[in-house]
Amino acid sequence: MQEALTYEPEIWRREAACERLGVPTGVFFSDDIGDIVHAKNICAGCPVLESCLEGAIRRREPWGVWGGQLFRNGHILANKRRRGRPSKVPRPEEQLPVVPIPVRIQQELLSA
């Protein structure tokens, strides 16, 4: 007899800034650079940033902003650019805020 899989929500989510602020989920899964900047700024001040990022890495999230990092195909992207030919000089509005990856998680990523 197979056991039914049970879903146990991650407890840290109740403390997440995105949850407390009531930010629409679409902001964290948008391709719009303005939305991505907004999502990363929300994450930067989040008290559970580390738990969120760890969970996203563990689940290999396919896309979105998690723990202040932009994910695509289960990997963290350093930056996001618009479609088409890149400009020689990046526009200020295209500069994503840098949310540092906690040192402990950096070490785990390097050892994986």
PDB file of N, CA and C in Angstrom:
ATOM      1  N   MET A   1       0.837  -1.180   0.000  1.00  0.00           N
ATOM      2  CA  MET A   1       0.000   0.000   0.000  1.00  0.00           C
ATOM      3  C   MET A   1       0.884   1.247   0.000  1.00  0.00           C
ATOM      4  N   GLN A   2       0.618   2.176  -0.902  1.00  0.00           N
ATOM      5  CA  GLN A   2       1.406   3.398  -0.992  1.00  0.00           C
ATOM      6  C   GLN A   2       0.923   4.416   0.017  1.00  0.00           C
ATOM      7  N   GLU A   3       1.890   5.114   0.603  1.00  0.00           N
ATOM      8  CA  GLU A   3       1.530   6.187   1.528  1.00  0.00           C
ATOM      9  C   GLU A   3       1.198   7.437   0.726  1.00  0.00           C
ATOM     10  N   ALA A   4       0.202   8.154   1.176  1.00  0.00           N
ATOM     11  CA  ALA A   4      -0.156   9.413   0.515  1.00  0.00           C
ATOM     12  C   ALA A   4       0.909  10.456   0.828  1.00  0.00           C
ATOM     13  N   LEU A   5       1.300  11.220  -0.179  1.00  0.00           N
ATOM     14  CA  LEU A   5       2.259  12.289   0.039  1.00  0.00           C
ATOM     15  C   LEU A   5       1.553  13.431   0.750  1.00  0.00           C
ATOM     16  N   THR A   6       2.178  13.936   1.778  1.00  0.00           N
ATOM     17  CA  THR A   6       1.586  15.056   2.493  1.00  0.00           C
ATOM     18  C   THR A   6       2.408  16.304   2.215  1.00  0.00           C
ATOM     19  N   TYR A   7       1.728  17.409   2.064  1.00  0.00           N
ATOM     20  CA  TYR A   7       2.383  18.688   1.833  1.00  0.00           C
ATOM     21  C   TYR A   7       2.477  19.419   3.154  1.00  0.00           C
ATOM     22  N   GLU A   8       3.672  19.716   3.574  1.00  0.00           N
ATOM     23  CA  GLU A   8       3.877  20.469   4.810  1.00  0.00           C
ATOM     24  C   GLU A   8       4.423  21.843   4.435  1.00  0.00           C
ATOM     25  N   PRO A   9       3.613  22.882   4.580  1.00  0.00           N
ATOM     26  CA  PRO A   9       4.090  24.212   4.192  1.00  0.00           C
ATOM     27  C   PRO A   9       5.308  24.622   5.015  1.00  0.00           C
ATOM     28  N   GLU A  10       6.184  25.343   4.372  1.00  0.00           N
ATOM     29  CA  GLU A  10       7.390  25.799   5.058  1.00  0.00           C
ATOM     30  C   GLU A  10       6.995  26.884   6.057  1.00  0.00           C
ATOM     31  N   ILE A  11       7.333  26.675   7.295  1.00  0.00           N
ATOM     32  CA  ILE A  11       6.914  27.551   8.391  1.00  0.00           C
ATOM     33  C   ILE A  11       7.430  28.979   8.209  1.00  0.00           C
ATOM     34  N   TRP A  12       8.619  29.125   7.664  1.00  0.00           N
ATOM     35  CA  TRP A  12       9.216  30.446   7.509  1.00  0.00           C
ATOM     36  C   TRP A  12       8.395  31.364   6.616  1.00  0.00           C
ATOM     37  N   ARG A  13       7.570  30.815   5.747  1.00  0.00           N
ATOM     38  CA  ARG A  13       6.807  31.637   4.798  1.00  0.00           C
ATOM     39  C   ARG A  13       5.900  32.647   5.503  1.00  0.00           C
ATOM     40  N   ARG A  14       5.437  32.326   6.700  1.00  0.00           N
ATOM     41  CA  ARG A  14       4.561  33.255   7.432  1.00  0.00           C
ATOM     42  C   ARG A  14       5.279  34.551   7.786  1.00  0.00           C
ATOM     43  N   GLU A  15       6.608  34.475   7.909  1.00  0.00           N
ATOM     44  CA  GLU A  15       7.404  35.643   8.290  1.00  0.00           C
ATOM     45  C   GLU A  15       7.974  36.383   7.090  1.00  0.00           C
ATOM     46  N   ALA A  16       7.764  35.871   5.891  1.00  0.00           N
ATOM     47  CA  ALA A  16       8.348  36.454   4.683  1.00  0.00           C
ATOM     48  C   ALA A  16       7.790  37.848   4.412  1.00  0.00           C
ATOM     49  N   ALA A  17       8.658  38.742   3.979  1.00  0.00           N
ATOM     50  CA  ALA A  17       8.252  40.119   3.674  1.00  0.00           C
ATOM     51  C   ALA A  17       7.180  40.148   2.595  1.00  0.00           C
ATOM     52  N   CYS A  18       7.303  39.297   1.592  1.00  0.00           N
ATOM     53  CA  CYS A  18       6.312  39.288   0.506  1.00  0.00           C
ATOM     54  C   CYS A  18       4.931  38.906   1.034  1.00  0.00           C
ATOM     55  N   GLU A  19       4.911  38.020   2.000  1.00  0.00           N
ATOM     56  CA  GLU A  19       3.644  37.578   2.600  1.00  0.00           C
ATOM     57  C   GLU A  19       3.061  38.683   3.483  1.00  0.00           C
ATOM     58  N   ARG A  20       3.897  39.285   4.305  1.00  0.00           N
ATOM     59  CA  ARG A  20       3.436  40.332   5.227  1.00  0.00           C
ATOM     60  C   ARG A  20       2.976  41.578   4.484  1.00  0.00           C
ATOM     61  N   LEU A  21       3.640  41.905   3.367  1.00  0.00           N
ATOM     62  CA  LEU A  21       3.300  43.106   2.616  1.00  0.00           C
ATOM     63  C   LEU A  21       2.156  42.883   1.631  1.00  0.00           C
ATOM     64  N   GLY A  22       1.804  41.622   1.404  1.00  0.00           N
ATOM     65  CA  GLY A  22       0.724  41.312   0.482  1.00  0.00           C
ATOM     66  C   GLY A  22       1.064  41.630  -0.970  1.00  0.00           C
ATOM     67  N   VAL A  23       2.313  41.442  -1.332  1.00  0.00           N
ATOM     68  CA  VAL A  23       2.762  41.728  -2.698  1.00  0.00           C
ATOM     69  C   VAL A  23       2.193  40.669  -3.644  1.00  0.00           C
ATOM     70  N   PRO A  24       1.633  41.099  -4.787  1.00  0.00           N
ATOM     71  CA  PRO A  24       1.114  40.110  -5.746  1.00  0.00           C
ATOM     72  C   PRO A  24       2.219  39.145  -6.199  1.00  0.00           C
ATOM     73  N   THR A  25       1.902  37.881  -6.232  1.00  0.00           N
ATOM     74  CA  THR A  25       2.872  36.846  -6.594  1.00  0.00           C
ATOM     75  C   THR A  25       3.495  37.096  -7.957  1.00  0.00           C
ATOM     76  N   GLY A  26       2.724  37.673  -8.875  1.00  0.00           N
ATOM     77  CA  GLY A  26       3.210  37.919 -10.222  1.00  0.00           C
ATOM     78  C   GLY A  26       4.469  38.757 -10.285  1.00  0.00           C
ATOM     79  N   VAL A  27       4.678  39.623  -9.291  1.00  0.00           N
ATOM     80  CA  VAL A  27       5.873  40.462  -9.260  1.00  0.00           C
ATOM     81  C   VAL A  27       7.129  39.592  -9.190  1.00  0.00           C
ATOM     82  N   PHE A  28       7.052  38.474  -8.493  1.00  0.00           N
ATOM     83  CA  PHE A  28       8.208  37.607  -8.298  1.00  0.00           C
ATOM     84  C   PHE A  28       8.438  36.649  -9.464  1.00  0.00           C
ATOM     85  N   PHE A  29       7.485  36.594 -10.397  1.00  0.00           N
ATOM     86  CA  PHE A  29       7.596  35.678 -11.537  1.00  0.00           C
ATOM     87  C   PHE A  29       7.456  36.402 -12.871  1.00  0.00           C
ATOM     88  N   SER A  30       7.738  37.686 -12.865  1.00  0.00           N
ATOM     89  CA  SER A  30       7.605  38.512 -14.056  1.00  0.00           C
ATOM     90  C   SER A  30       8.926  38.553 -14.825  1.00  0.00           C
ATOM     91  N   ASP A  31       8.836  38.793 -16.124  1.00  0.00           N
ATOM     92  CA  ASP A  31      10.031  39.015 -16.940  1.00  0.00           C
ATOM     93  C   ASP A  31      10.351  40.500 -17.049  1.00  0.00           C
ATOM     94  N   ASP A  32       9.466  41.348 -16.524  1.00  0.00           N
ATOM     95  CA  ASP A  32       9.671  42.779 -16.570  1.00  0.00           C
ATOM     96  C   ASP A  32      10.777  43.182 -15.594  1.00  0.00           C
ATOM     97  N   ILE A  33      11.758  43.915 -16.078  1.00  0.00           N
ATOM     98  CA  ILE A  33      12.888  44.285 -15.226  1.00  0.00           C
ATOM     99  C   ILE A  33      12.429  45.123 -14.030  1.00  0.00           C
ATOM    100  N   GLY A  34      11.454  45.996 -14.233  1.00  0.00           N
ATOM    101  CA  GLY A  34      10.937  46.792 -13.117  1.00  0.00           C
ATOM    102  C   GLY A  34      10.347  45.923 -12.014  1.00  0.00           C
ATOM    103  N   ASP A  35       9.616  44.880 -12.396  1.00  0.00           N
ATOM    104  CA  ASP A  35       9.062  43.946 -11.407  1.00  0.00           C
ATOM    105  C   ASP A  35      10.168  43.176 -10.696  1.00  0.00           C
ATOM    106  N   ILE A  36      11.175  42.773 -11.448  1.00  0.00           N
ATOM    107  CA  ILE A  36      12.287  42.021 -10.852  1.00  0.00           C
ATOM    108  C   ILE A  36      13.025  42.891  -9.830  1.00  0.00           C
ATOM    109  N   VAL A  37      13.262  44.160 -10.178  1.00  0.00           N
ATOM    110  CA  VAL A  37      13.902  45.092  -9.245  1.00  0.00           C
ATOM    111  C   VAL A  37      13.042  45.238  -7.993  1.00  0.00           C
ATOM    112  N   HIS A  38      11.726  45.397  -8.171  1.00  0.00           N
ATOM    113  CA  HIS A  38      10.808  45.531  -7.034  1.00  0.00           C
ATOM    114  C   HIS A  38      10.878  44.285  -6.144  1.00  0.00           C
ATOM    115  N   ALA A  39      10.841  43.104  -6.753  1.00  0.00           N
ATOM    116  CA  ALA A  39      10.890  41.847  -5.991  1.00  0.00           C
ATOM    117  C   ALA A  39      12.207  41.719  -5.225  1.00  0.00           C
ATOM    118  N   LYS A  40      13.320  42.014  -5.884  1.00  0.00           N
ATOM    119  CA  LYS A  40      14.624  41.904  -5.216  1.00  0.00           C
ATOM    120  C   LYS A  40      14.736  42.890  -4.061  1.00  0.00           C
ATOM    121  N   ASN A  41      14.175  44.087  -4.222  1.00  0.00           N
ATOM    122  CA  ASN A  41      14.205  45.069  -3.133  1.00  0.00           C
ATOM    123  C   ASN A  41      13.376  44.600  -1.943  1.00  0.00           C
ATOM    124  N   ILE A  42      12.259  43.957  -2.191  1.00  0.00           N
ATOM    125  CA  ILE A  42      11.447  43.403  -1.104  1.00  0.00           C
ATOM    126  C   ILE A  42      12.243  42.308  -0.387  1.00  0.00           C
ATOM    127  N   CYS A  43      12.863  41.439  -1.154  1.00  0.00           N
ATOM    128  CA  CYS A  43      13.646  40.343  -0.573  1.00  0.00           C
ATOM    129  C   CYS A  43      14.831  40.847   0.247  1.00  0.00           C
ATOM    130  N   ALA A  44      15.442  41.950  -0.189  1.00  0.00           N
ATOM    131  CA  ALA A  44      16.645  42.459   0.481  1.00  0.00           C
ATOM    132  C   ALA A  44      16.402  42.730   1.961  1.00  0.00           C
ATOM    133  N   GLY A  45      15.198  43.136   2.323  1.00  0.00           N
ATOM    134  CA  GLY A  45      14.899  43.425   3.721  1.00  0.00           C
ATOM    135  C   GLY A  45      14.122  42.332   4.427  1.00  0.00           C
ATOM    136  N   CYS A  46      14.044  41.169   3.819  1.00  0.00           N
ATOM    137  CA  CYS A  46      13.228  40.082   4.368  1.00  0.00           C
ATOM    138  C   CYS A  46      13.960  39.339   5.484  1.00  0.00           C
ATOM    139  N   PRO A  47      13.278  39.093   6.608  1.00  0.00           N
ATOM    140  CA  PRO A  47      13.925  38.392   7.718  1.00  0.00           C
ATOM    141  C   PRO A  47      14.168  36.903   7.447  1.00  0.00           C
ATOM    142  N   VAL A  48      13.514  36.337   6.455  1.00  0.00           N
ATOM    143  CA  VAL A  48      13.689  34.900   6.179  1.00  0.00           C
ATOM    144  C   VAL A  48      14.321  34.660   4.800  1.00  0.00           C
ATOM    145  N   LEU A  49      15.090  35.644   4.328  1.00  0.00           N
ATOM    146  CA  LEU A  49      15.738  35.551   3.024  1.00  0.00           C
ATOM    147  C   LEU A  49      16.526  34.251   2.880  1.00  0.00           C
ATOM    148  N   GLU A  50      17.298  33.904   3.881  1.00  0.00           N
ATOM    149  CA  GLU A  50      18.161  32.722   3.810  1.00  0.00           C
ATOM    150  C   GLU A  50      17.342  31.435   3.669  1.00  0.00           C
ATOM    151  N   SER A  51      16.280  31.295   4.443  1.00  0.00           N
ATOM    152  CA  SER A  51      15.440  30.094   4.358  1.00  0.00           C
ATOM    153  C   SER A  51      14.759  29.998   3.002  1.00  0.00           C
ATOM    154  N   CYS A  52      14.320  31.140   2.479  1.00  0.00           N
ATOM    155  CA  CYS A  52      13.671  31.176   1.175  1.00  0.00           C
ATOM    156  C   CYS A  52      14.649  30.740   0.086  1.00  0.00           C
ATOM    157  N   LEU A  53      15.857  31.294   0.123  1.00  0.00           N
ATOM    158  CA  LEU A  53      16.871  30.956  -0.878  1.00  0.00           C
ATOM    159  C   LEU A  53      17.274  29.494  -0.789  1.00  0.00           C
ATOM    160  N   GLU A  54      17.463  28.990   0.422  1.00  0.00           N
ATOM    161  CA  GLU A  54      17.812  27.574   0.598  1.00  0.00           C
ATOM    162  C   GLU A  54      16.739  26.660   0.018  1.00  0.00           C
ATOM    163  N   GLY A  55      15.481  26.986   0.297  1.00  0.00           N
ATOM    164  CA  GLY A  55      14.378  26.177  -0.225  1.00  0.00           C
ATOM    165  C   GLY A  55      14.339  26.191  -1.741  1.00  0.00           C
ATOM    166  N   ALA A  56      14.557  27.359  -2.339  1.00  0.00           N
ATOM    167  CA  ALA A  56      14.541  27.477  -3.802  1.00  0.00           C
ATOM    168  C   ALA A  56      15.669  26.665  -4.429  1.00  0.00           C
ATOM    169  N   ILE A  57      16.832  26.700  -3.817  1.00  0.00           N
ATOM    170  CA  ILE A  57      17.970  25.920  -4.328  1.00  0.00           C
ATOM    171  C   ILE A  57      17.667  24.435  -4.202  1.00  0.00           C
ATOM    172  N   ARG A  58      17.148  24.036  -3.056  1.00  0.00           N
ATOM    173  CA  ARG A  58      16.835  22.623  -2.806  1.00  0.00           C
ATOM    174  C   ARG A  58      15.779  22.107  -3.796  1.00  0.00           C
ATOM    175  N   ARG A  59      14.769  22.944  -4.073  1.00  0.00           N
ATOM    176  CA  ARG A  59      13.696  22.540  -4.989  1.00  0.00           C
ATOM    177  C   ARG A  59      14.067  22.738  -6.460  1.00  0.00           C
ATOM    178  N   ARG A  60      15.203  23.395  -6.687  1.00  0.00           N
ATOM    179  CA  ARG A  60      15.638  23.736  -8.058  1.00  0.00           C
ATOM    180  C   ARG A  60      14.528  24.503  -8.774  1.00  0.00           C
ATOM    181  N   GLU A  61      14.112  25.597  -8.134  1.00  0.00           N
ATOM    182  CA  GLU A  61      13.029  26.417  -8.687  1.00  0.00           C
ATOM    183  C   GLU A  61      13.332  26.766 -10.136  1.00  0.00           C
ATOM    184  N   PRO A  62      12.372  26.571 -11.017  1.00  0.00           N
ATOM    185  CA  PRO A  62      12.631  26.815 -12.436  1.00  0.00           C
ATOM    186  C   PRO A  62      12.739  28.296 -12.809  1.00  0.00           C
ATOM    187  N   TRP A  63      12.079  29.188 -12.065  1.00  0.00           N
ATOM    188  CA  TRP A  63      12.162  30.608 -12.391  1.00  0.00           C
ATOM    189  C   TRP A  63      11.583  31.453 -11.281  1.00  0.00           C
ATOM    190  N   GLY A  64      11.852  32.744 -11.353  1.00  0.00           N
ATOM    191  CA  GLY A  64      11.327  33.676 -10.372  1.00  0.00           C
ATOM    192  C   GLY A  64      12.400  34.239  -9.463  1.00  0.00           C
ATOM    193  N   VAL A  65      11.989  35.159  -8.606  1.00  0.00           N
ATOM    194  CA  VAL A  65      12.885  35.739  -7.606  1.00  0.00           C
ATOM    195  C   VAL A  65      12.612  35.032  -6.287  1.00  0.00           C
ATOM    196  N   TRP A  66      13.639  34.426  -5.749  1.00  0.00           N
ATOM    197  CA  TRP A  66      13.555  33.686  -4.485  1.00  0.00           C
ATOM    198  C   TRP A  66      14.745  34.093  -3.626  1.00  0.00           C
ATOM    199  N   GLY A  67      14.499  34.493  -2.394  1.00  0.00           N
ATOM    200  CA  GLY A  67      15.596  34.854  -1.503  1.00  0.00           C
ATOM    201  C   GLY A  67      16.483  35.944  -2.072  1.00  0.00           C
ATOM    202  N   GLY A  68      15.892  36.832  -2.864  1.00  0.00           N
ATOM    203  CA  GLY A  68      16.648  37.943  -3.431  1.00  0.00           C
ATOM    204  C   GLY A  68      17.440  37.610  -4.675  1.00  0.00           C
ATOM    205  N   GLN A  69      17.337  36.384  -5.154  1.00  0.00           N
ATOM    206  CA  GLN A  69      18.088  35.956  -6.334  1.00  0.00           C
ATOM    207  C   GLN A  69      17.123  35.622  -7.466  1.00  0.00           C
ATOM    208  N   LEU A  70      17.560  35.883  -8.673  1.00  0.00           N
ATOM    209  CA  LEU A  70      16.757  35.592  -9.857  1.00  0.00           C
ATOM    210  C   LEU A  70      17.108  34.195 -10.361  1.00  0.00           C
ATOM    211  N   PHE A  71      16.095  33.341 -10.478  1.00  0.00           N
ATOM    212  CA  PHE A  71      16.301  31.960 -10.924  1.00  0.00           C
ATOM    213  C   PHE A  71      15.773  31.780 -12.342  1.00  0.00           C
ATOM    214  N   ARG A  72      16.502  31.017 -13.143  1.00  0.00           N
ATOM    215  CA  ARG A  72      16.068  30.556 -14.462  1.00  0.00           C
ATOM    216  C   ARG A  72      16.567  29.132 -14.612  1.00  0.00           C
ATOM    217  N   ASN A  73      15.676  28.251 -14.967  1.00  0.00           N
ATOM    218  CA  ASN A  73      16.024  26.836 -15.184  1.00  0.00           C
ATOM    219  C   ASN A  73      16.755  26.232 -13.985  1.00  0.00           C
ATOM    220  N   GLY A  74      16.356  26.600 -12.782  1.00  0.00           N
ATOM    221  CA  GLY A  74      16.925  26.021 -11.570  1.00  0.00           C
ATOM    222  C   GLY A  74      18.273  26.575 -11.158  1.00  0.00           C
ATOM    223  N   HIS A  75      18.737  27.625 -11.830  1.00  0.00           N
ATOM    224  CA  HIS A  75      20.041  28.220 -11.522  1.00  0.00           C
ATOM    225  C   HIS A  75      19.882  29.699 -11.211  1.00  0.00           C
ATOM    226  N   ILE A  76      20.793  30.224 -10.397  1.00  0.00           N
ATOM    227  CA  ILE A  76      20.788  31.639 -10.056  1.00  0.00           C
ATOM    228  C   ILE A  76      21.449  32.416 -11.199  1.00  0.00           C
ATOM    229  N   LEU A  77      20.767  33.462 -11.650  1.00  0.00           N
ATOM    230  CA  LEU A  77      21.316  34.337 -12.695  1.00  0.00           C
ATOM    231  C   LEU A  77      21.945  35.562 -12.046  1.00  0.00           C
ATOM    232  N   ALA A  78      23.061  35.971 -12.569  1.00  0.00           N
ATOM    233  CA  ALA A  78      23.717  37.172 -12.054  1.00  0.00           C
ATOM    234  C   ALA A  78      22.977  38.428 -12.503  1.00  0.00           C
ATOM    235  N   ASN A  79      22.421  38.402 -13.714  1.00  0.00           N
ATOM    236  CA  ASN A  79      21.692  39.562 -14.203  1.00  0.00           C
ATOM    237  C   ASN A  79      20.656  39.142 -15.228  1.00  0.00           C
ATOM    238  N   LYS A  80      19.847  40.080 -15.624  1.00  0.00           N
ATOM    239  CA  LYS A  80      18.786  39.845 -16.606  1.00  0.00           C
ATOM    240  C   LYS A  80      18.889  40.950 -17.627  1.00  0.00           C
ATOM    241  N   ARG A  81      18.843  40.588 -18.877  1.00  0.00           N
ATOM    242  CA  ARG A  81      18.878  41.633 -19.893  1.00  0.00           C
ATOM    243  C   ARG A  81      17.639  41.534 -20.767  1.00  0.00           C
ATOM    244  N   ARG A  82      17.355  42.634 -21.429  1.00  0.00           N
ATOM    245  CA  ARG A  82      16.216  42.678 -22.334  1.00  0.00           C
ATOM    246  C   ARG A  82      16.504  41.831 -23.563  1.00  0.00           C
ATOM    247  N   ARG A  83      15.438  41.512 -24.283  1.00  0.00           N
ATOM    248  CA  ARG A  83      15.599  40.775 -25.533  1.00  0.00           C
ATOM    249  C   ARG A  83      16.310  41.647 -26.557  1.00  0.00           C
ATOM    250  N   GLY A  84      16.914  41.004 -27.517  1.00  0.00           N
ATOM    251  CA  GLY A  84      17.575  41.741 -28.590  1.00  0.00           C
ATOM    252  C   GLY A  84      19.027  42.021 -28.275  1.00  0.00           C
ATOM    253  N   ARG A  85      19.602  42.841 -29.103  1.00  0.00           N
ATOM    254  CA  ARG A  85      21.020  43.171 -28.975  1.00  0.00           C
ATOM    255  C   ARG A  85      21.258  43.988 -27.702  1.00  0.00           C
ATOM    256  N   PRO A  86      22.248  43.594 -26.902  1.00  0.00           N
ATOM    257  CA  PRO A  86      22.521  44.359 -25.684  1.00  0.00           C
ATOM    258  C   PRO A  86      23.115  45.729 -26.016  1.00  0.00           C
ATOM    259  N   SER A  87      22.772  46.731 -25.231  1.00  0.00           N
ATOM    260  CA  SER A  87      23.342  48.053 -25.446  1.00  0.00           C
ATOM    261  C   SER A  87      24.787  48.062 -24.959  1.00  0.00           C
ATOM    262  N   LYS A  88      25.578  48.935 -25.546  1.00  0.00           N
ATOM    263  CA  LYS A  88      26.994  49.023 -25.162  1.00  0.00           C
ATOM    264  C   LYS A  88      27.150  49.556 -23.749  1.00  0.00           C
ATOM    265  N   VAL A  89      26.252  50.436 -23.376  1.00  0.00           N
ATOM    266  CA  VAL A  89      26.272  51.004 -22.033  1.00  0.00           C
ATOM    267  C   VAL A  89      24.952  50.630 -21.370  1.00  0.00           C
ATOM    268  N   PRO A  90      25.007  49.861 -20.268  1.00  0.00           N
ATOM    269  CA  PRO A  90      23.756  49.450 -19.612  1.00  0.00           C
ATOM    270  C   PRO A  90      22.961  50.655 -19.122  1.00  0.00           C
ATOM    271  N   ARG A  91      21.657  50.584 -19.299  1.00  0.00           N
ATOM    272  CA  ARG A  91      20.760  51.633 -18.807  1.00  0.00           C
ATOM    273  C   ARG A  91      20.644  51.507 -17.290  1.00  0.00           C
ATOM    274  N   PRO A  92      20.549  52.640 -16.594  1.00  0.00           N
ATOM    275  CA  PRO A  92      20.422  52.570 -15.127  1.00  0.00           C
ATOM    276  C   PRO A  92      19.225  51.739 -14.677  1.00  0.00           C
ATOM    277  N   GLU A  93      18.102  51.817 -15.398  1.00  0.00           N
ATOM    278  CA  GLU A  93      16.909  51.066 -15.002  1.00  0.00           C
ATOM    279  C   GLU A  93      17.057  49.568 -15.213  1.00  0.00           C
ATOM    280  N   GLU A  94      18.099  49.168 -15.948  1.00  0.00           N
ATOM    281  CA  GLU A  94      18.328  47.737 -16.174  1.00  0.00           C
ATOM    282  C   GLU A  94      19.293  47.137 -15.160  1.00  0.00           C
ATOM    283  N   GLN A  95      19.818  47.956 -14.278  1.00  0.00           N
ATOM    284  CA  GLN A  95      20.744  47.464 -13.264  1.00  0.00           C
ATOM    285  C   GLN A  95      19.938  46.868 -12.111  1.00  0.00           C
ATOM    286  N   LEU A  96      20.070  45.581 -11.921  1.00  0.00           N
ATOM    287  CA  LEU A  96      19.346  44.923 -10.833  1.00  0.00           C
ATOM    288  C   LEU A  96      20.066  45.163  -9.516  1.00  0.00           C
ATOM    289  N   PRO A  97      19.312  45.346  -8.435  1.00  0.00           N
ATOM    290  CA  PRO A  97      19.969  45.482  -7.135  1.00  0.00           C
ATOM    291  C   PRO A  97      20.675  44.185  -6.771  1.00  0.00           C
ATOM    292  N   VAL A  98      21.805  44.322  -6.110  1.00  0.00           N
ATOM    293  CA  VAL A  98      22.569  43.151  -5.690  1.00  0.00           C
ATOM    294  C   VAL A  98      22.146  42.794  -4.277  1.00  0.00           C
ATOM    295  N   VAL A  99      21.597  41.605  -4.124  1.00  0.00           N
ATOM    296  CA  VAL A  99      21.246  41.085  -2.810  1.00  0.00           C
ATOM    297  C   VAL A  99      22.261  39.980  -2.541  1.00  0.00           C
ATOM    298  N   PRO A 100      23.166  40.188  -1.586  1.00  0.00           N
ATOM    299  CA  PRO A 100      24.227  39.204  -1.367  1.00  0.00           C
ATOM    300  C   PRO A 100      23.679  37.840  -0.948  1.00  0.00           C
ATOM    301  N   ILE A 101      24.316  36.809  -1.454  1.00  0.00           N
ATOM    302  CA  ILE A 101      23.994  35.438  -1.047  1.00  0.00           C
ATOM    303  C   ILE A 101      24.720  35.193   0.269  1.00  0.00           C
ATOM    304  N   PRO A 102      24.008  34.753   1.314  1.00  0.00           N
ATOM    305  CA  PRO A 102      24.675  34.495   2.592  1.00  0.00           C
ATOM    306  C   PRO A 102      25.882  33.562   2.411  1.00  0.00           C
ATOM    307  N   VAL A 103      26.942  33.838   3.150  1.00  0.00           N
ATOM    308  CA  VAL A 103      28.212  33.110   3.006  1.00  0.00           C
ATOM    309  C   VAL A 103      28.015  31.605   3.140  1.00  0.00           C
ATOM    310  N   ARG A 104      27.218  31.173   4.101  1.00  0.00           N
ATOM    311  CA  ARG A 104      27.008  29.736   4.306  1.00  0.00           C
ATOM    312  C   ARG A 104      26.422  29.083   3.057  1.00  0.00           C
ATOM    313  N   ILE A 105      25.476  29.770   2.420  1.00  0.00           N
ATOM    314  CA  ILE A 105      24.856  29.220   1.209  1.00  0.00           C
ATOM    315  C   ILE A 105      25.856  29.252   0.054  1.00  0.00           C
ATOM    316  N   GLN A 106      26.679  30.315  -0.021  1.00  0.00           N
ATOM    317  CA  GLN A 106      27.722  30.368  -1.056  1.00  0.00           C
ATOM    318  C   GLN A 106      28.631  29.146  -0.953  1.00  0.00           C
ATOM    319  N   GLN A 107      29.034  28.820   0.277  1.00  0.00           N
ATOM    320  CA  GLN A 107      29.930  27.678   0.489  1.00  0.00           C
ATOM    321  C   GLN A 107      29.252  26.374   0.082  1.00  0.00           C
ATOM    322  N   GLU A 108      27.967  26.233   0.375  1.00  0.00           N
ATOM    323  CA  GLU A 108      27.239  25.028  -0.012  1.00  0.00           C
ATOM    324  C   GLU A 108      27.135  24.921  -1.529  1.00  0.00           C
ATOM    325  N   LEU A 109      26.918  26.048  -2.204  1.00  0.00           N
ATOM    326  CA  LEU A 109      26.832  26.042  -3.662  1.00  0.00           C
ATOM    327  C   LEU A 109      28.169  25.644  -4.294  1.00  0.00           C
ATOM    328  N   LEU A 110      29.252  26.144  -3.702  1.00  0.00           N
ATOM    329  CA  LEU A 110      30.579  25.821  -4.229  1.00  0.00           C
ATOM    330  C   LEU A 110      30.952  24.364  -4.011  1.00  0.00           C
ATOM    331  N   SER A 111      30.479  23.777  -2.922  1.00  0.00           N
ATOM    332  CA  SER A 111      30.825  22.388  -2.624  1.00  0.00           C
ATOM    333  C   SER A 111      29.926  21.391  -3.339  1.00  0.00           C
ATOM    334  N   ALA A 112      28.828  21.870  -3.906  1.00  0.00           N
ATOM    335  CA  ALA A 112      27.888  20.960  -4.581  1.00  0.00           C
ATOM    336  C   ALA A 112      28.386  20.521  -5.938  1.00  0.00           C
TER     337      ALA A 112
END
